């Protein structure tokens, strides 16, 4: 089943986010290589693809896991969690409807 992993950043997270980004992306690449990643990306703090120093307010990852517990374990091990980027992470089951 797919799960939506919705994370909210702490204030002023940009420096920590940039430092942990290579390791964060490497984990997402593994999901992609396994065919389990539906989508992933950050949430810009301003209405721009490149928010510059405004940074990001969080992230969204939608990926396939065997269970909610597996999705939670994966999210807990994210480098952004270890680096203190995320203030809060919510995980919910996600039913893909479109694109089919």
PDB file of N, CA and C in Angstrom:
ATOM      1  N   UNK A   1       0.832  -1.170   0.000  1.00  0.00           N
ATOM      2  CA  UNK A   1       0.000   0.000   0.000  1.00  0.00           C
ATOM      3  C   UNK A   1       0.883   1.241   0.000  1.00  0.00           C
ATOM      4  N   UNK A   2       0.356   2.304  -0.594  1.00  0.00           N
ATOM      5  CA  UNK A   2       1.070   3.579  -0.551  1.00  0.00           C
ATOM      6  C   UNK A   2       0.780   4.305   0.758  1.00  0.00           C
ATOM      7  N   UNK A   3       1.774   5.092   1.196  1.00  0.00           N
ATOM      8  CA  UNK A   3       1.641   5.921   2.391  1.00  0.00           C
ATOM      9  C   UNK A   3       2.167   7.313   2.071  1.00  0.00           C
ATOM     10  N   UNK A   4       1.446   8.323   2.574  1.00  0.00           N
ATOM     11  CA  UNK A   4       1.883   9.707   2.443  1.00  0.00           C
ATOM     12  C   UNK A   4       2.639  10.082   3.706  1.00  0.00           C
ATOM     13  N   UNK A   5       3.880  10.469   3.519  1.00  0.00           N
ATOM     14  CA  UNK A   5       4.723  10.916   4.631  1.00  0.00           C
ATOM     15  C   UNK A   5       4.816  12.431   4.498  1.00  0.00           C
ATOM     16  N   UNK A   6       4.172  13.124   5.435  1.00  0.00           N
ATOM     17  CA  UNK A   6       4.080  14.586   5.391  1.00  0.00           C
ATOM     18  C   UNK A   6       4.871  15.154   6.563  1.00  0.00           C
ATOM     19  N   UNK A   7       5.915  15.885   6.235  1.00  0.00           N
ATOM     20  CA  UNK A   7       6.796  16.410   7.269  1.00  0.00           C
ATOM     21  C   UNK A   7       6.757  17.940   7.281  1.00  0.00           C
ATOM     22  N   UNK A   8       6.821  18.489   8.481  1.00  0.00           N
ATOM     23  CA  UNK A   8       6.875  19.934   8.674  1.00  0.00           C
ATOM     24  C   UNK A   8       8.246  20.284   9.236  1.00  0.00           C
ATOM     25  N   UNK A   9       8.894  21.261   8.612  1.00  0.00           N
ATOM     26  CA  UNK A   9      10.225  21.687   9.057  1.00  0.00           C
ATOM     27  C   UNK A   9      10.157  22.551  10.311  1.00  0.00           C
ATOM     28  N   UNK A  10      11.244  22.557  11.053  1.00  0.00           N
ATOM     29  CA  UNK A  10      11.430  23.533  12.123  1.00  0.00           C
ATOM     30  C   UNK A  10      11.691  24.881  11.459  1.00  0.00           C
ATOM     31  N   UNK A  11      11.518  25.985  12.172  1.00  0.00           N
ATOM     32  CA  UNK A  11      11.871  27.283  11.589  1.00  0.00           C
ATOM     33  C   UNK A  11      13.361  27.330  11.232  1.00  0.00           C
ATOM     34  N   UNK A  12      13.686  28.055  10.190  1.00  0.00           N
ATOM     35  CA  UNK A  12      15.081  28.255   9.763  1.00  0.00           C
ATOM     36  C   UNK A  12      15.832  26.936   9.549  1.00  0.00           C
ATOM     37  N   UNK A  13      15.210  26.024   8.827  1.00  0.00           N
ATOM     38  CA  UNK A  13      15.782  24.691   8.621  1.00  0.00           C
ATOM     39  C   UNK A  13      16.730  24.597   7.428  1.00  0.00           C
ATOM     40  N   UNK A  14      16.858  25.660   6.644  1.00  0.00           N
ATOM     41  CA  UNK A  14      17.547  25.555   5.361  1.00  0.00           C
ATOM     42  C   UNK A  14      18.975  25.026   5.473  1.00  0.00           C
ATOM     43  N   UNK A  15      19.777  25.538   6.388  1.00  0.00           N
ATOM     44  CA  UNK A  15      21.176  25.093   6.485  1.00  0.00           C
ATOM     45  C   UNK A  15      21.252  23.604   6.830  1.00  0.00           C
ATOM     46  N   UNK A  16      20.463  23.172   7.797  1.00  0.00           N
ATOM     47  CA  UNK A  16      20.462  21.752   8.184  1.00  0.00           C
ATOM     48  C   UNK A  16      19.921  20.887   7.043  1.00  0.00           C
ATOM     49  N   UNK A  17      18.921  21.397   6.347  1.00  0.00           N
ATOM     50  CA  UNK A  17      18.325  20.678   5.218  1.00  0.00           C
ATOM     51  C   UNK A  17      19.368  20.478   4.119  1.00  0.00           C
ATOM     52  N   UNK A  18      20.094  21.518   3.775  1.00  0.00           N
ATOM     53  CA  UNK A  18      21.103  21.425   2.719  1.00  0.00           C
ATOM     54  C   UNK A  18      22.221  20.461   3.106  1.00  0.00           C
ATOM     55  N   UNK A  19      22.608  20.460   4.369  1.00  0.00           N
ATOM     56  CA  UNK A  19      23.688  19.575   4.825  1.00  0.00           C
ATOM     57  C   UNK A  19      23.270  18.102   4.755  1.00  0.00           C
ATOM     58  N   UNK A  20      22.019  17.812   5.065  1.00  0.00           N
ATOM     59  CA  UNK A  20      21.550  16.422   5.097  1.00  0.00           C
ATOM     60  C   UNK A  20      20.975  15.963   3.758  1.00  0.00           C
ATOM     61  N   UNK A  21      20.823  16.864   2.809  1.00  0.00           N
ATOM     62  CA  UNK A  21      20.144  16.563   1.552  1.00  0.00           C
ATOM     63  C   UNK A  21      20.747  15.383   0.772  1.00  0.00           C
ATOM     64  N   UNK A  22      22.066  15.274   0.612  1.00  0.00           N
ATOM     65  CA  UNK A  22      22.600  14.140  -0.158  1.00  0.00           C
ATOM     66  C   UNK A  22      22.179  12.782   0.416  1.00  0.00           C
ATOM     67  N   UNK A  23      22.222  12.633   1.723  1.00  0.00           N
ATOM     68  CA  UNK A  23      21.828  11.364   2.343  1.00  0.00           C
ATOM     69  C   UNK A  23      20.317  11.146   2.227  1.00  0.00           C
ATOM     70  N   UNK A  24      19.551  12.205   2.354  1.00  0.00           N
ATOM     71  CA  UNK A  24      18.094  12.126   2.201  1.00  0.00           C
ATOM     72  C   UNK A  24      17.744  11.667   0.780  1.00  0.00           C
ATOM     73  N   UNK A  25      18.371  12.275  -0.212  1.00  0.00           N
ATOM     74  CA  UNK A  25      18.102  11.915  -1.606  1.00  0.00           C
ATOM     75  C   UNK A  25      18.547  10.487  -1.916  1.00  0.00           C
ATOM     76  N   UNK A  26      19.618  10.036  -1.306  1.00  0.00           N
ATOM     77  CA  UNK A  26      20.098   8.670  -1.533  1.00  0.00           C
ATOM     78  C   UNK A  26      19.053   7.648  -1.077  1.00  0.00           C
ATOM     79  N   UNK A  27      18.387   7.913   0.043  1.00  0.00           N
ATOM     80  CA  UNK A  27      17.338   7.003   0.520  1.00  0.00           C
ATOM     81  C   UNK A  27      16.143   7.013  -0.415  1.00  0.00           C
ATOM     82  N   UNK A  28      15.798   8.184  -0.927  1.00  0.00           N
ATOM     83  CA  UNK A  28      14.696   8.263  -1.886  1.00  0.00           C
ATOM     84  C   UNK A  28      15.050   7.534  -3.178  1.00  0.00           C
ATOM     85  N   UNK A  29      16.300   7.616  -3.591  1.00  0.00           N
ATOM     86  CA  UNK A  29      16.740   6.930  -4.799  1.00  0.00           C
ATOM     87  C   UNK A  29      16.580   5.412  -4.657  1.00  0.00           C
ATOM     88  N   UNK A  30      16.826   4.893  -3.474  1.00  0.00           N
ATOM     89  CA  UNK A  30      16.638   3.458  -3.241  1.00  0.00           C
ATOM     90  C   UNK A  30      15.174   3.079  -3.456  1.00  0.00           C
ATOM     91  N   UNK A  31      14.253   3.882  -2.903  1.00  0.00           N
ATOM     92  CA  UNK A  31      12.827   3.617  -3.129  1.00  0.00           C
ATOM     93  C   UNK A  31      12.495   3.695  -4.615  1.00  0.00           C
ATOM     94  N   UNK A  32      13.057   4.684  -5.295  1.00  0.00           N
ATOM     95  CA  UNK A  32      12.835   4.837  -6.738  1.00  0.00           C
ATOM     96  C   UNK A  32      13.344   3.611  -7.493  1.00  0.00           C
ATOM     97  N   UNK A  33      14.540   3.170  -7.163  1.00  0.00           N
ATOM     98  CA  UNK A  33      15.138   2.010  -7.833  1.00  0.00           C
ATOM     99  C   UNK A  33      14.322   0.738  -7.595  1.00  0.00           C
ATOM    100  N   UNK A  34      13.661   0.654  -6.461  1.00  0.00           N
ATOM    101  CA  UNK A  34      12.833  -0.501  -6.124  1.00  0.00           C
ATOM    102  C   UNK A  34      11.429  -0.393  -6.727  1.00  0.00           C
ATOM    103  N   UNK A  35      11.128   0.724  -7.383  1.00  0.00           N
ATOM    104  CA  UNK A  35       9.811   0.925  -7.969  1.00  0.00           C
ATOM    105  C   UNK A  35       8.733   1.227  -6.943  1.00  0.00           C
ATOM    106  N   UNK A  36       9.118   1.726  -5.773  1.00  0.00           N
ATOM    107  CA  UNK A  36       8.174   1.967  -4.681  1.00  0.00           C
ATOM    108  C   UNK A  36       7.853   3.441  -4.460  1.00  0.00           C
ATOM    109  N   UNK A  37       8.553   4.334  -5.146  1.00  0.00           N
ATOM    110  CA  UNK A  37       8.358   5.772  -4.939  1.00  0.00           C
ATOM    111  C   UNK A  37       7.363   6.317  -5.952  1.00  0.00           C
ATOM    112  N   UNK A  38       6.274   6.896  -5.480  1.00  0.00           N
ATOM    113  CA  UNK A  38       5.283   7.517  -6.345  1.00  0.00           C
ATOM    114  C   UNK A  38       5.660   8.967  -6.619  1.00  0.00           C
ATOM    115  N   UNK A  39       6.019   9.699  -5.564  1.00  0.00           N
ATOM    116  CA  UNK A  39       6.473  11.083  -5.711  1.00  0.00           C
ATOM    117  C   UNK A  39       7.146  11.531  -4.428  1.00  0.00           C
ATOM    118  N   UNK A  40       7.966  12.557  -4.559  1.00  0.00           N
ATOM    119  CA  UNK A  40       8.640  13.118  -3.388  1.00  0.00           C
ATOM    120  C   UNK A  40       9.111  14.525  -3.724  1.00  0.00           C
ATOM    121  N   UNK A  41       9.073  15.385  -2.744  1.00  0.00           N
ATOM    122  CA  UNK A  41       9.598  16.729  -2.946  1.00  0.00           C
ATOM    123  C   UNK A  41       9.364  17.626  -1.749  1.00  0.00           C
ATOM    124  N   UNK A  42      10.077  18.747  -1.744  1.00  0.00           N
ATOM    125  CA  UNK A  42       9.938  19.709  -0.656  1.00  0.00           C
ATOM    126  C   UNK A  42       8.783  20.675  -0.913  1.00  0.00           C
ATOM    127  N   UNK A  43       8.386  21.357   0.139  1.00  0.00           N
ATOM    128  CA  UNK A  43       7.328  22.360   0.074  1.00  0.00           C
ATOM    129  C   UNK A  43       7.971  23.736   0.230  1.00  0.00           C
ATOM    130  N   UNK A  44       8.121  24.485  -0.876  1.00  0.00           N
ATOM    131  CA  UNK A  44       8.760  25.793  -0.805  1.00  0.00           C
ATOM    132  C   UNK A  44       8.008  26.747   0.132  1.00  0.00           C
ATOM    133  N   UNK A  45       8.749  27.571   0.838  1.00  0.00           N
ATOM    134  CA  UNK A  45       8.160  28.534   1.771  1.00  0.00           C
ATOM    135  C   UNK A  45       7.486  29.695   1.049  1.00  0.00           C
ATOM    136  N   UNK A  46       7.827  29.888  -0.217  1.00  0.00           N
ATOM    137  CA  UNK A  46       7.220  30.939  -1.037  1.00  0.00           C
ATOM    138  C   UNK A  46       6.781  30.321  -2.359  1.00  0.00           C
ATOM    139  N   UNK A  47       5.974  31.043  -3.103  1.00  0.00           N
ATOM    140  CA  UNK A  47       5.416  30.538  -4.353  1.00  0.00           C
ATOM    141  C   UNK A  47       6.464  30.598  -5.464  1.00  0.00           C
ATOM    142  N   UNK A  48       7.425  29.656  -5.389  1.00  0.00           N
ATOM    143  CA  UNK A  48       8.517  29.613  -6.354  1.00  0.00           C
ATOM    144  C   UNK A  48       9.155  28.232  -6.329  1.00  0.00           C
ATOM    145  N   UNK A  49       9.571  27.750  -7.495  1.00  0.00           N
ATOM    146  CA  UNK A  49      10.316  26.489  -7.540  1.00  0.00           C
ATOM    147  C   UNK A  49      11.669  26.618  -6.873  1.00  0.00           C
ATOM    148  N   UNK A  50      12.215  27.833  -6.855  1.00  0.00           N
ATOM    149  CA  UNK A  50      13.490  28.094  -6.196  1.00  0.00           C
ATOM    150  C   UNK A  50      13.276  29.174  -5.143  1.00  0.00           C
ATOM    151  N   UNK A  51      12.957  28.765  -3.903  1.00  0.00           N
ATOM    152  CA  UNK A  51      12.637  29.750  -2.883  1.00  0.00           C
ATOM    153  C   UNK A  51      13.841  30.480  -2.300  1.00  0.00           C
ATOM    154  N   UNK A  52      15.045  30.119  -2.734  1.00  0.00           N
ATOM    155  CA  UNK A  52      16.240  30.801  -2.240  1.00  0.00           C
ATOM    156  C   UNK A  52      16.339  30.718  -0.728  1.00  0.00           C
ATOM    157  N   UNK A  53      16.673  31.829  -0.108  1.00  0.00           N
ATOM    158  CA  UNK A  53      16.886  31.847   1.343  1.00  0.00           C
ATOM    159  C   UNK A  53      15.602  31.666   2.139  1.00  0.00           C
ATOM    160  N   UNK A  54      14.433  31.767   1.490  1.00  0.00           N
ATOM    161  CA  UNK A  54      13.172  31.517   2.202  1.00  0.00           C
ATOM    162  C   UNK A  54      13.072  30.050   2.610  1.00  0.00           C
ATOM    163  N   UNK A  55      13.723  29.184   1.852  1.00  0.00           N
ATOM    164  CA  UNK A  55      13.774  27.772   2.211  1.00  0.00           C
ATOM    165  C   UNK A  55      12.469  27.035   1.996  1.00  0.00           C
ATOM    166  N   UNK A  56      12.251  26.050   2.843  1.00  0.00           N
ATOM    167  CA  UNK A  56      11.129  25.139   2.694  1.00  0.00           C
ATOM    168  C   UNK A  56      10.395  24.985   4.023  1.00  0.00           C
ATOM    169  N   UNK A  57       9.137  24.616   3.925  1.00  0.00           N
ATOM    170  CA  UNK A  57       8.329  24.426   5.140  1.00  0.00           C
ATOM    171  C   UNK A  57       8.122  22.960   5.472  1.00  0.00           C
ATOM    172  N   UNK A  58       8.554  22.082   4.598  1.00  0.00           N
ATOM    173  CA  UNK A  58       8.374  20.664   4.849  1.00  0.00           C
ATOM    174  C   UNK A  58       8.606  19.842   3.608  1.00  0.00           C
ATOM    175  N   UNK A  59       8.152  18.594   3.657  1.00  0.00           N
ATOM    176  CA  UNK A  59       8.346  17.652   2.557  1.00  0.00           C
ATOM    177  C   UNK A  59       7.144  16.734   2.454  1.00  0.00           C
ATOM    178  N   UNK A  60       6.981  16.170   1.253  1.00  0.00           N
ATOM    179  CA  UNK A  60       5.963  15.154   1.017  1.00  0.00           C
ATOM    180  C   UNK A  60       6.617  14.000   0.272  1.00  0.00           C
ATOM    181  N   UNK A  61       6.425  12.810   0.793  1.00  0.00           N
ATOM    182  CA  UNK A  61       6.886  11.581   0.136  1.00  0.00           C
ATOM    183  C   UNK A  61       5.685  10.652   0.082  1.00  0.00           C
ATOM    184  N   UNK A  62       5.396  10.119  -1.092  1.00  0.00           N
ATOM    185  CA  UNK A  62       4.370   9.083  -1.229  1.00  0.00           C
ATOM    186  C   UNK A  62       5.069   7.858  -1.797  1.00  0.00           C
ATOM    187  N   UNK A  63       5.078   6.802  -0.992  1.00  0.00           N
ATOM    188  CA  UNK A  63       5.809   5.598  -1.375  1.00  0.00           C
ATOM    189  C   UNK A  63       5.083   4.364  -0.859  1.00  0.00           C
ATOM    190  N   UNK A  64       5.448   3.234  -1.450  1.00  0.00           N
ATOM    191  CA  UNK A  64       4.830   1.962  -1.096  1.00  0.00           C
ATOM    192  C   UNK A  64       5.621   1.272   0.007  1.00  0.00           C
ATOM    193  N   UNK A  65       4.893   0.841   1.031  1.00  0.00           N
ATOM    194  CA  UNK A  65       5.474   0.088   2.141  1.00  0.00           C
ATOM    195  C   UNK A  65       4.547  -1.070   2.459  1.00  0.00           C
ATOM    196  N   UNK A  66       5.053  -2.070   3.147  1.00  0.00           N
ATOM    197  CA  UNK A  66       4.253  -3.245   3.496  1.00  0.00           C
ATOM    198  C   UNK A  66       3.203  -2.922   4.553  1.00  0.00           C
ATOM    199  N   UNK A  67       3.480  -1.899   5.379  1.00  0.00           N
ATOM    200  CA  UNK A  67       2.564  -1.555   6.466  1.00  0.00           C
ATOM    201  C   UNK A  67       2.820  -0.128   6.928  1.00  0.00           C
ATOM    202  N   UNK A  68       1.887   0.379   7.707  1.00  0.00           N
ATOM    203  CA  UNK A  68       2.059   1.698   8.318  1.00  0.00           C
ATOM    204  C   UNK A  68       3.291   1.716   9.216  1.00  0.00           C
ATOM    205  N   UNK A  69       3.504   0.624   9.919  1.00  0.00           N
ATOM    206  CA  UNK A  69       4.675   0.531  10.803  1.00  0.00           C
ATOM    207  C   UNK A  69       5.978   0.599  10.002  1.00  0.00           C
ATOM    208  N   UNK A  70       6.010  -0.055   8.840  1.00  0.00           N
ATOM    209  CA  UNK A  70       7.204   0.002   7.995  1.00  0.00           C
ATOM    210  C   UNK A  70       7.435   1.424   7.474  1.00  0.00           C
ATOM    211  N   UNK A  71       6.358   2.095   7.092  1.00  0.00           N
ATOM    212  CA  UNK A  71       6.483   3.483   6.632  1.00  0.00           C
ATOM    213  C   UNK A  71       6.992   4.374   7.761  1.00  0.00           C
ATOM    214  N   UNK A  72       6.491   4.154   8.974  1.00  0.00           N
ATOM    215  CA  UNK A  72       6.931   4.942  10.128  1.00  0.00           C
ATOM    216  C   UNK A  72       8.403   4.688  10.428  1.00  0.00           C
ATOM    217  N   UNK A  73       8.819   3.434  10.361  1.00  0.00           N
ATOM    218  CA  UNK A  73      10.226   3.112  10.610  1.00  0.00           C
ATOM    219  C   UNK A  73      11.124   3.774   9.573  1.00  0.00           C
ATOM    220  N   UNK A  74      10.695   3.719   8.307  1.00  0.00           N
ATOM    221  CA  UNK A  74      11.476   4.349   7.248  1.00  0.00           C
ATOM    222  C   UNK A  74      11.579   5.851   7.494  1.00  0.00           C
ATOM    223  N   UNK A  75      10.471   6.488   7.819  1.00  0.00           N
ATOM    224  CA  UNK A  75      10.463   7.936   8.062  1.00  0.00           C
ATOM    225  C   UNK A  75      11.317   8.302   9.273  1.00  0.00           C
ATOM    226  N   UNK A  76      11.260   7.505  10.319  1.00  0.00           N
ATOM    227  CA  UNK A  76      12.040   7.793  11.524  1.00  0.00           C
ATOM    228  C   UNK A  76      13.540   7.757  11.266  1.00  0.00           C
ATOM    229  N   UNK A  77      13.958   6.984  10.267  1.00  0.00           N
ATOM    230  CA  UNK A  77      15.387   6.841   9.962  1.00  0.00           C
ATOM    231  C   UNK A  77      15.874   7.865   8.934  1.00  0.00           C
ATOM    232  N   UNK A  78      15.021   8.798   8.545  1.00  0.00           N
ATOM    233  CA  UNK A  78      15.409   9.778   7.530  1.00  0.00           C
ATOM    234  C   UNK A  78      16.505  10.706   8.056  1.00  0.00           C
ATOM    235  N   UNK A  79      17.490  11.017   7.227  1.00  0.00           N
ATOM    236  CA  UNK A  79      18.548  11.940   7.635  1.00  0.00           C
ATOM    237  C   UNK A  79      18.027  13.315   8.055  1.00  0.00           C
ATOM    238  N   UNK A  80      16.916  13.754   7.505  1.00  0.00           N
ATOM    239  CA  UNK A  80      16.345  15.037   7.931  1.00  0.00           C
ATOM    240  C   UNK A  80      15.848  14.968   9.373  1.00  0.00           C
ATOM    241  N   UNK A  81      15.385  13.812   9.813  1.00  0.00           N
ATOM    242  CA  UNK A  81      14.983  13.645  11.208  1.00  0.00           C
ATOM    243  C   UNK A  81      16.223  13.734  12.094  1.00  0.00           C
ATOM    244  N   UNK A  82      17.260  12.996  11.725  1.00  0.00           N
ATOM    245  CA  UNK A  82      18.502  12.996  12.508  1.00  0.00           C
ATOM    246  C   UNK A  82      19.142  14.378  12.572  1.00  0.00           C
ATOM    247  N   UNK A  83      19.006  15.144  11.493  1.00  0.00           N
ATOM    248  CA  UNK A  83      19.617  16.482  11.435  1.00  0.00           C
ATOM    249  C   UNK A  83      18.755  17.557  12.097  1.00  0.00           C
ATOM    250  N   UNK A  84      17.564  17.185  12.570  1.00  0.00           N
ATOM    251  CA  UNK A  84      16.704  18.160  13.222  1.00  0.00           C
ATOM    252  C   UNK A  84      15.959  19.068  12.267  1.00  0.00           C
ATOM    253  N   UNK A  85      15.848  18.675  10.995  1.00  0.00           N
ATOM    254  CA  UNK A  85      15.128  19.479  10.000  1.00  0.00           C
ATOM    255  C   UNK A  85      13.627  19.430  10.260  1.00  0.00           C
ATOM    256  N   UNK A  86      13.135  18.242  10.565  1.00  0.00           N
ATOM    257  CA  UNK A  86      11.699  18.058  10.726  1.00  0.00           C
ATOM    258  C   UNK A  86      11.251  18.308  12.162  1.00  0.00           C
ATOM    259  N   UNK A  87      10.202  19.077  12.280  1.00  0.00           N
ATOM    260  CA  UNK A  87       9.561  19.339  13.566  1.00  0.00           C
ATOM    261  C   UNK A  87       8.521  18.269  13.872  1.00  0.00           C
ATOM    262  N   UNK A  88       7.827  17.843  12.806  1.00  0.00           N
ATOM    263  CA  UNK A  88       6.741  16.886  12.971  1.00  0.00           C
ATOM    264  C   UNK A  88       6.580  16.075  11.679  1.00  0.00           C
ATOM    265  N   UNK A  89       6.301  14.787  11.821  1.00  0.00           N
ATOM    266  CA  UNK A  89       6.065  13.920  10.669  1.00  0.00           C
ATOM    267  C   UNK A  89       4.753  13.170  10.884  1.00  0.00           C
ATOM    268  N   UNK A  90       3.884  13.247   9.890  1.00  0.00           N
ATOM    269  CA  UNK A  90       2.608  12.527   9.907  1.00  0.00           C
ATOM    270  C   UNK A  90       2.612  11.533   8.758  1.00  0.00           C
ATOM    271  N   UNK A  91       2.141  10.334   9.026  1.00  0.00           N
ATOM    272  CA  UNK A  91       2.072   9.303   7.988  1.00  0.00           C
ATOM    273  C   UNK A  91       0.640   8.787   7.931  1.00  0.00           C
ATOM    274  N   UNK A  92       0.106   8.754   6.709  1.00  0.00           N
ATOM    275  CA  UNK A  92      -1.256   8.271   6.515  1.00  0.00           C
ATOM    276  C   UNK A  92      -1.297   7.354   5.284  1.00  0.00           C
ATOM    277  N   UNK A  93      -2.167   6.349   5.326  1.00  0.00           N
ATOM    278  CA  UNK A  93      -2.362   5.535   4.132  1.00  0.00           C
ATOM    279  C   UNK A  93      -2.829   6.426   2.983  1.00  0.00           C
ATOM    280  N   UNK A  94      -2.405   6.064   1.773  1.00  0.00           N
ATOM    281  CA  UNK A  94      -2.715   6.864   0.580  1.00  0.00           C
ATOM    282  C   UNK A  94      -3.243   5.935  -0.491  1.00  0.00           C
ATOM    283  N   UNK A  95      -4.417   6.236  -1.013  1.00  0.00           N
ATOM    284  CA  UNK A  95      -4.992   5.451  -2.103  1.00  0.00           C
ATOM    285  C   UNK A  95      -4.807   6.191  -3.412  1.00  0.00           C
ATOM    286  N   UNK A  96      -3.996   5.626  -4.277  1.00  0.00           N
ATOM    287  CA  UNK A  96      -3.755   6.223  -5.586  1.00  0.00           C
ATOM    288  C   UNK A  96      -4.970   6.004  -6.483  1.00  0.00           C
ATOM    289  N   UNK A  97      -5.470   7.104  -7.057  1.00  0.00           N
ATOM    290  CA  UNK A  97      -6.588   7.030  -7.990  1.00  0.00           C
ATOM    291  C   UNK A  97      -6.130   7.489  -9.379  1.00  0.00           C
ATOM    292  N   UNK A  98      -5.464   8.633  -9.446  1.00  0.00           N
ATOM    293  CA  UNK A  98      -4.930   9.164 -10.707  1.00  0.00           C
ATOM    294  C   UNK A  98      -3.482   9.534 -10.529  1.00  0.00           C
ATOM    295  N   UNK A  99      -2.636   9.415 -11.514  1.00  0.00           N
ATOM    296  CA  UNK A  99      -2.943   8.715 -12.756  1.00  0.00           C
ATOM    297  C   UNK A  99      -3.051   7.217 -12.493  1.00  0.00           C
ATOM    298  N   UNK A 100      -3.894   6.580 -13.283  1.00  0.00           N
ATOM    299  CA  UNK A 100      -4.143   5.153 -13.119  1.00  0.00           C
ATOM    300  C   UNK A 100      -2.978   4.344 -13.657  1.00  0.00           C
TER     301      UNK A 100
END
